[in-house]
Amino acid sequence: YGALPYPLSKIMAEGPLDAAFAGLFGSMVHDNCHMLGDKNAFVAAICLQALSSSALGQLIGACVPSPAAALASGPPLMVVLTIVGAVGPSGRPPLPLLMEPLREVSA
């Protein structure tokens, strides 16, 4: 099988369990921290983040030839996504002109 059927089947098989645990975690955090705002929106955002992180990991695993290559290519990709504001609490800091197109692609 190719690179596309593998991550799609893994995401379909593991997605419900990933979303369930993320939803449980989000619900517990919202309740225990007495957060303001809509609980359903917060839990949905946590579930979406968990599913997209899992999908990114599966995609990296399907595109590289070995586990060592996957471990080597994952962290640099996450650093770039964090810098451009797609992941993490960095917000939207000013970027060098060379990296500005990455922000547009990741948004």
PDB file of N, CA and C in Angstrom:
ATOM      1  N   TYR A   1       0.838  -1.188   0.000  1.00  0.00           N
ATOM      2  CA  TYR A   1       0.000   0.000   0.000  1.00  0.00           C
ATOM      3  C   TYR A   1       0.874   1.239   0.000  1.00  0.00           C
ATOM      4  N   GLY A   2       0.289   2.338  -0.407  1.00  0.00           N
ATOM      5  CA  GLY A   2       1.050   3.563  -0.580  1.00  0.00           C
ATOM      6  C   GLY A   2       1.072   4.440   0.658  1.00  0.00           C
ATOM      7  N   ALA A   3       1.574   5.641   0.457  1.00  0.00           N
ATOM      8  CA  ALA A   3       1.731   6.577   1.567  1.00  0.00           C
ATOM      9  C   ALA A   3       0.404   7.199   1.990  1.00  0.00           C
ATOM     10  N   LEU A   4      -0.579   7.258   1.141  1.00  0.00           N
ATOM     11  CA  LEU A   4      -1.858   7.873   1.519  1.00  0.00           C
ATOM     12  C   LEU A   4      -2.799   6.897   2.232  1.00  0.00           C
ATOM     13  N   PRO A   5      -2.974   5.660   1.749  1.00  0.00           N
ATOM     14  CA  PRO A   5      -3.881   4.753   2.466  1.00  0.00           C
ATOM     15  C   PRO A   5      -3.431   4.426   3.890  1.00  0.00           C
ATOM     16  N   TYR A   6      -2.125   4.359   4.115  1.00  0.00           N
ATOM     17  CA  TYR A   6      -1.630   4.031   5.461  1.00  0.00           C
ATOM     18  C   TYR A   6      -2.051   5.063   6.504  1.00  0.00           C
ATOM     19  N   PRO A   7      -1.734   6.373   6.319  1.00  0.00           N
ATOM     20  CA  PRO A   7      -2.150   7.305   7.371  1.00  0.00           C
ATOM     21  C   PRO A   7      -3.662   7.453   7.467  1.00  0.00           C
ATOM     22  N   LEU A   8      -4.366   7.348   6.341  1.00  0.00           N
ATOM     23  CA  LEU A   8      -5.826   7.453   6.410  1.00  0.00           C
ATOM     24  C   LEU A   8      -6.435   6.313   7.227  1.00  0.00           C
ATOM     25  N   SER A   9      -5.955   5.094   7.011  1.00  0.00           N
ATOM     26  CA  SER A   9      -6.503   3.972   7.771  1.00  0.00           C
ATOM     27  C   SER A   9      -6.110   4.062   9.246  1.00  0.00           C
ATOM     28  N   LYS A  10      -4.879   4.508   9.537  1.00  0.00           N
ATOM     29  CA  LYS A  10      -4.461   4.663  10.926  1.00  0.00           C
ATOM     30  C   LYS A  10      -5.277   5.750  11.632  1.00  0.00           C
ATOM     31  N   ILE A  11      -5.515   6.851  10.927  1.00  0.00           N
ATOM     32  CA  ILE A  11      -6.293   7.945  11.519  1.00  0.00           C
ATOM     33  C   ILE A  11      -7.728   7.496  11.783  1.00  0.00           C
ATOM     34  N   MET A  12      -8.309   6.755  10.828  1.00  0.00           N
ATOM     35  CA  MET A  12      -9.683   6.281  11.016  1.00  0.00           C
ATOM     36  C   MET A  12      -9.771   5.268  12.158  1.00  0.00           C
ATOM     37  N   ALA A  13      -8.725   4.450  12.327  1.00  0.00           N
ATOM     38  CA  ALA A  13      -8.746   3.451  13.390  1.00  0.00           C
ATOM     39  C   ALA A  13      -8.457   4.060  14.762  1.00  0.00           C
ATOM     40  N   GLU A  14      -7.511   4.995  14.823  1.00  0.00           N
ATOM     41  CA  GLU A  14      -7.089   5.538  16.109  1.00  0.00           C
ATOM     42  C   GLU A  14      -7.778   6.848  16.470  1.00  0.00           C
ATOM     43  N   GLY A  15      -8.406   7.500  15.514  1.00  0.00           N
ATOM     44  CA  GLY A  15      -9.020   8.802  15.748  1.00  0.00           C
ATOM     45  C   GLY A  15     -10.056   8.834  16.857  1.00  0.00           C
ATOM     46  N   PRO A  16     -11.013   7.898  16.864  1.00  0.00           N
ATOM     47  CA  PRO A  16     -12.029   7.955  17.926  1.00  0.00           C
ATOM     48  C   PRO A  16     -11.446   7.843  19.332  1.00  0.00           C
ATOM     49  N   LEU A  17     -10.458   6.981  19.510  1.00  0.00           N
ATOM     50  CA  LEU A  17      -9.851   6.840  20.832  1.00  0.00           C
ATOM     51  C   LEU A  17      -9.031   8.077  21.202  1.00  0.00           C
ATOM     52  N   ASP A  18      -8.296   8.619  20.227  1.00  0.00           N
ATOM     53  CA  ASP A  18      -7.558   9.863  20.479  1.00  0.00           C
ATOM     54  C   ASP A  18      -8.503  10.986  20.883  1.00  0.00           C
ATOM     55  N   ALA A  19      -9.611  11.106  20.166  1.00  0.00           N
ATOM     56  CA  ALA A  19     -10.578  12.171  20.462  1.00  0.00           C
ATOM     57  C   ALA A  19     -11.249  11.944  21.819  1.00  0.00           C
ATOM     58  N   ALA A  20     -11.518  10.693  22.161  1.00  0.00           N
ATOM     59  CA  ALA A  20     -12.173  10.408  23.443  1.00  0.00           C
ATOM     60  C   ALA A  20     -11.283  10.805  24.624  1.00  0.00           C
ATOM     61  N   PHE A  21     -10.006  10.413  24.565  1.00  0.00           N
ATOM     62  CA  PHE A  21      -9.108  10.769  25.662  1.00  0.00           C
ATOM     63  C   PHE A  21      -8.866  12.280  25.718  1.00  0.00           C
ATOM     64  N   ALA A  22      -8.732  12.917  24.553  1.00  0.00           N
ATOM     65  CA  ALA A  22      -8.539  14.370  24.541  1.00  0.00           C
ATOM     66  C   ALA A  22      -9.788  15.079  25.067  1.00  0.00           C
ATOM     67  N   GLY A  23     -10.960  14.580  24.705  1.00  0.00           N
ATOM     68  CA  GLY A  23     -12.199  15.177  25.201  1.00  0.00           C
ATOM     69  C   GLY A  23     -12.346  15.028  26.703  1.00  0.00           C
ATOM     70  N   LEU A  24     -11.979  13.860  27.223  1.00  0.00           N
ATOM     71  CA  LEU A  24     -12.024  13.647  28.665  1.00  0.00           C
ATOM     72  C   LEU A  24     -11.056  14.585  29.376  1.00  0.00           C
ATOM     73  N   PHE A  25      -9.848  14.706  28.828  1.00  0.00           N
ATOM     74  CA  PHE A  25      -8.855  15.611  29.402  1.00  0.00           C
ATOM     75  C   PHE A  25      -9.350  17.056  29.369  1.00  0.00           C
ATOM     76  N   GLY A  26      -9.868  17.498  28.219  1.00  0.00           N
ATOM     77  CA  GLY A  26     -10.355  18.873  28.096  1.00  0.00           C
ATOM     78  C   GLY A  26     -11.501  19.164  29.045  1.00  0.00           C
ATOM     79  N   SER A  27     -12.376  18.199  29.204  1.00  0.00           N
ATOM     80  CA  SER A  27     -13.502  18.374  30.119  1.00  0.00           C
ATOM     81  C   SER A  27     -13.032  18.493  31.565  1.00  0.00           C
ATOM     82  N   MET A  28     -12.082  17.647  31.947  1.00  0.00           N
ATOM     83  CA  MET A  28     -11.556  17.705  33.313  1.00  0.00           C
ATOM     84  C   MET A  28     -10.805  19.011  33.571  1.00  0.00           C
ATOM     85  N   VAL A  29     -10.013  19.461  32.609  1.00  0.00           N
ATOM     86  CA  VAL A  29      -9.282  20.714  32.781  1.00  0.00           C
ATOM     87  C   VAL A  29     -10.255  21.877  32.903  1.00  0.00           C
ATOM     88  N   HIS A  30     -11.275  21.907  32.048  1.00  0.00           N
ATOM     89  CA  HIS A  30     -12.247  23.011  32.080  1.00  0.00           C
ATOM     90  C   HIS A  30     -12.956  23.068  33.428  1.00  0.00           C
ATOM     91  N   ASP A  31     -13.351  21.897  33.927  1.00  0.00           N
ATOM     92  CA  ASP A  31     -14.067  21.867  35.207  1.00  0.00           C
ATOM     93  C   ASP A  31     -13.157  22.186  36.391  1.00  0.00           C
ATOM     94  N   ASN A  32     -11.993  21.567  36.435  1.00  0.00           N
ATOM     95  CA  ASN A  32     -11.107  21.733  37.594  1.00  0.00           C
ATOM     96  C   ASN A  32     -10.437  23.090  37.655  1.00  0.00           C
ATOM     97  N   CYS A  33     -10.275  23.739  36.520  1.00  0.00           N
ATOM     98  CA  CYS A  33      -9.648  25.071  36.508  1.00  0.00           C
ATOM     99  C   CYS A  33     -10.683  26.188  36.532  1.00  0.00           C
ATOM    100  N   HIS A  34     -11.961  25.831  36.579  1.00  0.00           N
ATOM    101  CA  HIS A  34     -13.048  26.813  36.613  1.00  0.00           C
ATOM    102  C   HIS A  34     -12.893  27.833  35.475  1.00  0.00           C
ATOM    103  N   MET A  35     -12.669  27.318  34.283  1.00  0.00           N
ATOM    104  CA  MET A  35     -12.456  28.182  33.125  1.00  0.00           C
ATOM    105  C   MET A  35     -13.762  28.848  32.713  1.00  0.00           C
ATOM    106  N   LEU A  36     -13.638  30.070  32.261  1.00  0.00           N
ATOM    107  CA  LEU A  36     -14.782  30.777  31.716  1.00  0.00           C
ATOM    108  C   LEU A  36     -14.900  30.423  30.245  1.00  0.00           C
ATOM    109  N   GLY A  37     -16.036  30.647  29.692  1.00  0.00           N
ATOM    110  CA  GLY A  37     -16.220  30.361  28.280  1.00  0.00           C
ATOM    111  C   GLY A  37     -16.955  29.049  28.075  1.00  0.00           C
ATOM    112  N   ASP A  38     -17.252  28.786  26.837  1.00  0.00           N
ATOM    113  CA  ASP A  38     -18.033  27.619  26.468  1.00  0.00           C
ATOM    114  C   ASP A  38     -17.200  26.344  26.616  1.00  0.00           C
ATOM    115  N   LYS A  39     -17.684  25.436  27.426  1.00  0.00           N
ATOM    116  CA  LYS A  39     -16.965  24.180  27.648  1.00  0.00           C
ATOM    117  C   LYS A  39     -16.907  23.345  26.376  1.00  0.00           C
ATOM    118  N   ASN A  40     -17.996  23.299  25.632  1.00  0.00           N
ATOM    119  CA  ASN A  40     -18.022  22.497  24.407  1.00  0.00           C
ATOM    120  C   ASN A  40     -17.019  23.003  23.378  1.00  0.00           C
ATOM    121  N   ALA A  41     -16.873  24.313  23.259  1.00  0.00           N
ATOM    122  CA  ALA A  41     -15.908  24.867  22.311  1.00  0.00           C
ATOM    123  C   ALA A  41     -14.478  24.538  22.744  1.00  0.00           C
ATOM    124  N   PHE A  42     -14.211  24.587  24.048  1.00  0.00           N
ATOM    125  CA  PHE A  42     -12.879  24.266  24.547  1.00  0.00           C
ATOM    126  C   PHE A  42     -12.554  22.797  24.303  1.00  0.00           C
ATOM    127  N   VAL A  43     -13.490  21.912  24.626  1.00  0.00           N
ATOM    128  CA  VAL A  43     -13.267  20.483  24.434  1.00  0.00           C
ATOM    129  C   VAL A  43     -13.114  20.169  22.949  1.00  0.00           C
ATOM    130  N   ALA A  44     -13.884  20.812  22.104  1.00  0.00           N
ATOM    131  CA  ALA A  44     -13.765  20.589  20.656  1.00  0.00           C
ATOM    132  C   ALA A  44     -12.400  21.036  20.145  1.00  0.00           C
ATOM    133  N   ALA A  45     -11.901  22.145  20.655  1.00  0.00           N
ATOM    134  CA  ALA A  45     -10.578  22.619  20.240  1.00  0.00           C
ATOM    135  C   ALA A  45      -9.487  21.656  20.682  1.00  0.00           C
ATOM    136  N   ILE A  46      -9.590  21.124  21.889  1.00  0.00           N
ATOM    137  CA  ILE A  46      -8.611  20.148  22.380  1.00  0.00           C
ATOM    138  C   ILE A  46      -8.666  18.873  21.535  1.00  0.00           C
ATOM    139  N   CYS A  47      -9.864  18.413  21.216  1.00  0.00           N
ATOM    140  CA  CYS A  47     -10.002  17.215  20.382  1.00  0.00           C
ATOM    141  C   CYS A  47      -9.432  17.444  18.984  1.00  0.00           C
ATOM    142  N   LEU A  48      -9.705  18.590  18.411  1.00  0.00           N
ATOM    143  CA  LEU A  48      -9.179  18.898  17.080  1.00  0.00           C
ATOM    144  C   LEU A  48      -7.661  18.957  17.090  1.00  0.00           C
ATOM    145  N   GLN A  49      -7.089  19.534  18.132  1.00  0.00           N
ATOM    146  CA  GLN A  49      -5.632  19.598  18.232  1.00  0.00           C
ATOM    147  C   GLN A  49      -5.044  18.198  18.377  1.00  0.00           C
ATOM    148  N   ALA A  50      -5.663  17.340  19.159  1.00  0.00           N
ATOM    149  CA  ALA A  50      -5.161  15.971  19.331  1.00  0.00           C
ATOM    150  C   ALA A  50      -5.242  15.193  18.021  1.00  0.00           C
ATOM    151  N   LEU A  51      -6.344  15.342  17.303  1.00  0.00           N
ATOM    152  CA  LEU A  51      -6.494  14.627  16.037  1.00  0.00           C
ATOM    153  C   LEU A  51      -5.521  15.138  14.982  1.00  0.00           C
ATOM    154  N   SER A  52      -5.307  16.448  14.931  1.00  0.00           N
ATOM    155  CA  SER A  52      -4.376  16.975  13.935  1.00  0.00           C
ATOM    156  C   SER A  52      -2.938  16.605  14.279  1.00  0.00           C
ATOM    157  N   SER A  53      -2.600  16.559  15.553  1.00  0.00           N
ATOM    158  CA  SER A  53      -1.255  16.120  15.950  1.00  0.00           C
ATOM    159  C   SER A  53      -1.033  14.660  15.598  1.00  0.00           C
ATOM    160  N   SER A  54      -2.029  13.847  15.839  1.00  0.00           N
ATOM    161  CA  SER A  54      -1.930  12.435  15.486  1.00  0.00           C
ATOM    162  C   SER A  54      -1.806  12.257  13.976  1.00  0.00           C
ATOM    163  N   ALA A  55      -2.575  13.017  13.234  1.00  0.00           N
ATOM    164  CA  ALA A  55      -2.508  12.929  11.769  1.00  0.00           C
ATOM    165  C   ALA A  55      -1.151  13.372  11.244  1.00  0.00           C
ATOM    166  N   LEU A  56      -0.579  14.411  11.832  1.00  0.00           N
ATOM    167  CA  LEU A  56       0.751  14.858  11.423  1.00  0.00           C
ATOM    168  C   LEU A  56       1.789  13.781  11.714  1.00  0.00           C
ATOM    169  N   GLY A  57       1.696  13.155  12.855  1.00  0.00           N
ATOM    170  CA  GLY A  57       2.625  12.073  13.183  1.00  0.00           C
ATOM    171  C   GLY A  57       2.487  10.895  12.236  1.00  0.00           C
ATOM    172  N   GLN A  58       1.260  10.538  11.901  1.00  0.00           N
ATOM    173  CA  GLN A  58       1.048   9.436  10.957  1.00  0.00           C
ATOM    174  C   GLN A  58       1.559   9.793   9.565  1.00  0.00           C
ATOM    175  N   LEU A  59       1.371  11.042   9.168  1.00  0.00           N
ATOM    176  CA  LEU A  59       1.845  11.466   7.851  1.00  0.00           C
ATOM    177  C   LEU A  59       3.369  11.435   7.776  1.00  0.00           C
ATOM    178  N   ILE A  60       4.018  11.897   8.816  1.00  0.00           N
ATOM    179  CA  ILE A  60       5.485  11.839   8.842  1.00  0.00           C
ATOM    180  C   ILE A  60       5.942  10.390   8.807  1.00  0.00           C
ATOM    181  N   GLY A  61       5.289   9.532   9.578  1.00  0.00           N
ATOM    182  CA  GLY A  61       5.652   8.122   9.594  1.00  0.00           C
ATOM    183  C   GLY A  61       5.463   7.437   8.257  1.00  0.00           C
ATOM    184  N   ALA A  62       4.464   7.879   7.494  1.00  0.00           N
ATOM    185  CA  ALA A  62       4.211   7.266   6.193  1.00  0.00           C
ATOM    186  C   ALA A  62       5.154   7.783   5.110  1.00  0.00           C
ATOM    187  N   CYS A  63       5.691   8.965   5.299  1.00  0.00           N
ATOM    188  CA  CYS A  63       6.495   9.588   4.241  1.00  0.00           C
ATOM    189  C   CYS A  63       7.992   9.315   4.352  1.00  0.00           C
ATOM    190  N   VAL A  64       8.454   8.832   5.472  1.00  0.00           N
ATOM    191  CA  VAL A  64       9.893   8.617   5.641  1.00  0.00           C
ATOM    192  C   VAL A  64      10.192   7.118   5.620  1.00  0.00           C
ATOM    193  N   PRO A  65      11.416   6.758   5.254  1.00  0.00           N
ATOM    194  CA  PRO A  65      11.714   5.333   5.067  1.00  0.00           C
ATOM    195  C   PRO A  65      11.979   4.525   6.338  1.00  0.00           C
ATOM    196  N   SER A  66      12.287   5.187   7.463  1.00  0.00           N
ATOM    197  CA  SER A  66      12.629   4.428   8.663  1.00  0.00           C
ATOM    198  C   SER A  66      12.171   5.174   9.915  1.00  0.00           C
ATOM    199  N   PRO A  67      12.049   4.454  11.028  1.00  0.00           N
ATOM    200  CA  PRO A  67      11.692   5.137  12.282  1.00  0.00           C
ATOM    201  C   PRO A  67      12.722   6.186  12.698  1.00  0.00           C
ATOM    202  N   ALA A  68      13.976   5.936  12.421  1.00  0.00           N
ATOM    203  CA  ALA A  68      15.007   6.914  12.774  1.00  0.00           C
ATOM    204  C   ALA A  68      14.822   8.205  11.989  1.00  0.00           C
ATOM    205  N   ALA A  69      14.467   8.076  10.719  1.00  0.00           N
ATOM    206  CA  ALA A  69      14.219   9.269   9.911  1.00  0.00           C
ATOM    207  C   ALA A  69      12.978  10.015  10.403  1.00  0.00           C
ATOM    208  N   ALA A  70      11.968   9.278  10.860  1.00  0.00           N
ATOM    209  CA  ALA A  70      10.766   9.927  11.393  1.00  0.00           C
ATOM    210  C   ALA A  70      11.094  10.705  12.666  1.00  0.00           C
ATOM    211  N   LEU A  71      11.897  10.095  13.538  1.00  0.00           N
ATOM    212  CA  LEU A  71      12.287  10.786  14.764  1.00  0.00           C
ATOM    213  C   LEU A  71      13.154  11.997  14.481  1.00  0.00           C
ATOM    214  N   ALA A  72      13.930  11.942  13.401  1.00  0.00           N
ATOM    215  CA  ALA A  72      14.793  13.071  13.053  1.00  0.00           C
ATOM    216  C   ALA A  72      14.035  14.185  12.351  1.00  0.00           C
ATOM    217  N   SER A  73      12.960  13.857  11.634  1.00  0.00           N
ATOM    218  CA  SER A  73      12.252  14.895  10.871  1.00  0.00           C
ATOM    219  C   SER A  73      11.084  15.516  11.638  1.00  0.00           C
ATOM    220  N   GLY A  74      10.589  14.867  12.664  1.00  0.00           N
ATOM    221  CA  GLY A  74       9.458  15.400  13.411  1.00  0.00           C
ATOM    222  C   GLY A  74       9.741  16.682  14.171  1.00  0.00           C
ATOM    223  N   PRO A  75      10.768  16.713  15.035  1.00  0.00           N
ATOM    224  CA  PRO A  75      11.025  17.926  15.829  1.00  0.00           C
ATOM    225  C   PRO A  75      11.292  19.189  15.005  1.00  0.00           C
ATOM    226  N   PRO A  76      12.092  19.138  13.926  1.00  0.00           N
ATOM    227  CA  PRO A  76      12.266  20.381  13.153  1.00  0.00           C
ATOM    228  C   PRO A  76      10.951  20.901  12.566  1.00  0.00           C
ATOM    229  N   LEU A  77      10.089  19.983  12.149  1.00  0.00           N
ATOM    230  CA  LEU A  77       8.795  20.409  11.614  1.00  0.00           C
ATOM    231  C   LEU A  77       7.955  21.066  12.700  1.00  0.00           C
ATOM    232  N   MET A  78       7.966  20.513  13.903  1.00  0.00           N
ATOM    233  CA  MET A  78       7.198  21.103  15.003  1.00  0.00           C
ATOM    234  C   MET A  78       7.747  22.465  15.408  1.00  0.00           C
ATOM    235  N   VAL A  79       9.067  22.627  15.347  1.00  0.00           N
ATOM    236  CA  VAL A  79       9.665  23.924  15.669  1.00  0.00           C
ATOM    237  C   VAL A  79       9.209  24.981  14.673  1.00  0.00           C
ATOM    238  N   VAL A  80       9.221  24.635  13.400  1.00  0.00           N
ATOM    239  CA  VAL A  80       8.775  25.594  12.374  1.00  0.00           C
ATOM    240  C   VAL A  80       7.310  25.939  12.572  1.00  0.00           C
ATOM    241  N   LEU A  81       6.465  24.945  12.854  1.00  0.00           N
ATOM    242  CA  LEU A  81       5.042  25.219  13.066  1.00  0.00           C
ATOM    243  C   LEU A  81       4.821  26.082  14.311  1.00  0.00           C
ATOM    244  N   THR A  82       5.632  25.888  15.333  1.00  0.00           N
ATOM    245  CA  THR A  82       5.521  26.715  16.538  1.00  0.00           C
ATOM    246  C   THR A  82       5.946  28.149  16.250  1.00  0.00           C
ATOM    247  N   ILE A  83       7.015  28.319  15.490  1.00  0.00           N
ATOM    248  CA  ILE A  83       7.511  29.664  15.187  1.00  0.00           C
ATOM    249  C   ILE A  83       6.496  30.457  14.373  1.00  0.00           C
ATOM    250  N   VAL A  84       5.869  29.820  13.395  1.00  0.00           N
ATOM    251  CA  VAL A  84       4.939  30.554  12.541  1.00  0.00           C
ATOM    252  C   VAL A  84       3.557  30.699  13.181  1.00  0.00           C
ATOM    253  N   GLY A  85       3.383  30.156  14.384  1.00  0.00           N
ATOM    254  CA  GLY A  85       2.141  30.370  15.114  1.00  0.00           C
ATOM    255  C   GLY A  85       1.056  29.369  14.824  1.00  0.00           C
ATOM    256  N   ALA A  86       1.371  28.271  14.138  1.00  0.00           N
ATOM    257  CA  ALA A  86       0.353  27.266  13.857  1.00  0.00           C
ATOM    258  C   ALA A  86       0.117  26.360  15.053  1.00  0.00           C
ATOM    259  N   VAL A  87       1.115  26.225  15.907  1.00  0.00           N
ATOM    260  CA  VAL A  87       1.030  25.372  17.084  1.00  0.00           C
ATOM    261  C   VAL A  87       1.603  26.141  18.259  1.00  0.00           C
ATOM    262  N   GLY A  88       0.995  25.989  19.407  1.00  0.00           N
ATOM    263  CA  GLY A  88       1.593  26.552  20.608  1.00  0.00           C
ATOM    264  C   GLY A  88       1.133  27.971  20.918  1.00  0.00           C
ATOM    265  N   PRO A  89       1.579  28.458  22.049  1.00  0.00           N
ATOM    266  CA  PRO A  89       1.116  29.754  22.551  1.00  0.00           C
ATOM    267  C   PRO A  89       1.924  30.943  22.052  1.00  0.00           C
ATOM    268  N   SER A  90       2.676  30.776  20.979  1.00  0.00           N
ATOM    269  CA  SER A  90       3.558  31.860  20.550  1.00  0.00           C
ATOM    270  C   SER A  90       2.811  33.039  19.938  1.00  0.00           C
ATOM    271  N   GLY A  91       1.540  32.849  19.641  1.00  0.00           N
ATOM    272  CA  GLY A  91       0.774  33.944  19.044  1.00  0.00           C
ATOM    273  C   GLY A  91       1.230  34.216  17.633  1.00  0.00           C
ATOM    274  N   ARG A  92       1.351  35.468  17.291  1.00  0.00           N
ATOM    275  CA  ARG A  92       1.796  35.840  15.951  1.00  0.00           C
ATOM    276  C   ARG A  92       2.936  36.842  16.050  1.00  0.00           C
ATOM    277  N   PRO A  93       4.110  36.359  16.472  1.00  0.00           N
ATOM    278  CA  PRO A  93       5.242  37.281  16.565  1.00  0.00           C
ATOM    279  C   PRO A  93       5.709  37.694  15.178  1.00  0.00           C
ATOM    280  N   PRO A  94       6.412  38.818  15.081  1.00  0.00           N
ATOM    281  CA  PRO A  94       6.926  39.217  13.771  1.00  0.00           C
ATOM    282  C   PRO A  94       7.955  38.200  13.274  1.00  0.00           C
ATOM    283  N   LEU A  95       7.886  37.913  11.982  1.00  0.00           N
ATOM    284  CA  LEU A  95       8.776  36.932  11.377  1.00  0.00           C
ATOM    285  C   LEU A  95       9.686  37.592  10.356  1.00  0.00           C
ATOM    286  N   PRO A  96      10.826  36.978  10.077  1.00  0.00           N
ATOM    287  CA  PRO A  96      11.637  37.460   8.961  1.00  0.00           C
ATOM    288  C   PRO A  96      10.866  37.298   7.652  1.00  0.00           C
ATOM    289  N   LEU A  97      11.158  38.128   6.686  1.00  0.00           N
ATOM    290  CA  LEU A  97      10.434  38.089   5.414  1.00  0.00           C
ATOM    291  C   LEU A  97      10.516  36.728   4.751  1.00  0.00           C
ATOM    292  N   LEU A  98      11.608  36.016   4.943  1.00  0.00           N
ATOM    293  CA  LEU A  98      11.778  34.705   4.337  1.00  0.00           C
ATOM    294  C   LEU A  98      10.790  33.684   4.877  1.00  0.00           C
ATOM    295  N   MET A  99      10.373  33.834   6.146  1.00  0.00           N
ATOM    296  CA  MET A  99       9.472  32.864   6.762  1.00  0.00           C
ATOM    297  C   MET A  99       8.009  33.288   6.699  1.00  0.00           C
ATOM    298  N   GLU A 100       7.720  34.467   6.223  1.00  0.00           N
ATOM    299  CA  GLU A 100       6.337  34.943   6.175  1.00  0.00           C
ATOM    300  C   GLU A 100       5.432  34.048   5.310  1.00  0.00           C
ATOM    301  N   PRO A 101       5.901  33.520   4.168  1.00  0.00           N
ATOM    302  CA  PRO A 101       5.035  32.611   3.400  1.00  0.00           C
ATOM    303  C   PRO A 101       4.641  31.356   4.178  1.00  0.00           C
ATOM    304  N   LEU A 102       5.492  30.901   5.091  1.00  0.00           N
ATOM    305  CA  LEU A 102       5.136  29.741   5.907  1.00  0.00           C
ATOM    306  C   LEU A 102       3.923  30.034   6.784  1.00  0.00           C
ATOM    307  N   ARG A 103       3.844  31.235   7.295  1.00  0.00           N
ATOM    308  CA  ARG A 103       2.695  31.599   8.118  1.00  0.00           C
ATOM    309  C   ARG A 103       1.410  31.561   7.295  1.00  0.00           C
ATOM    310  N   GLU A 104       1.469  32.028   6.063  1.00  0.00           N
ATOM    311  CA  GLU A 104       0.283  32.025   5.213  1.00  0.00           C
ATOM    312  C   GLU A 104      -0.152  30.608   4.883  1.00  0.00           C
ATOM    313  N   VAL A 105       0.811  29.715   4.665  1.00  0.00           N
ATOM    314  CA  VAL A 105       0.496  28.329   4.351  1.00  0.00           C
ATOM    315  C   VAL A 105      -0.070  27.618   5.563  1.00  0.00           C
ATOM    316  N   SER A 106       0.450  27.927   6.750  1.00  0.00           N
ATOM    317  CA  SER A 106       0.030  27.207   7.942  1.00  0.00           C
ATOM    318  C   SER A 106      -1.275  27.718   8.520  1.00  0.00           C
ATOM    319  N   ALA A 107      -1.736  28.885   8.111  1.00  0.00           N
ATOM    320  CA  ALA A 107      -2.960  29.455   8.683  1.00  0.00           C
ATOM    321  C   ALA A 107      -4.211  28.829   8.153  1.00  0.00           C
TER     322      ALA A 107
END
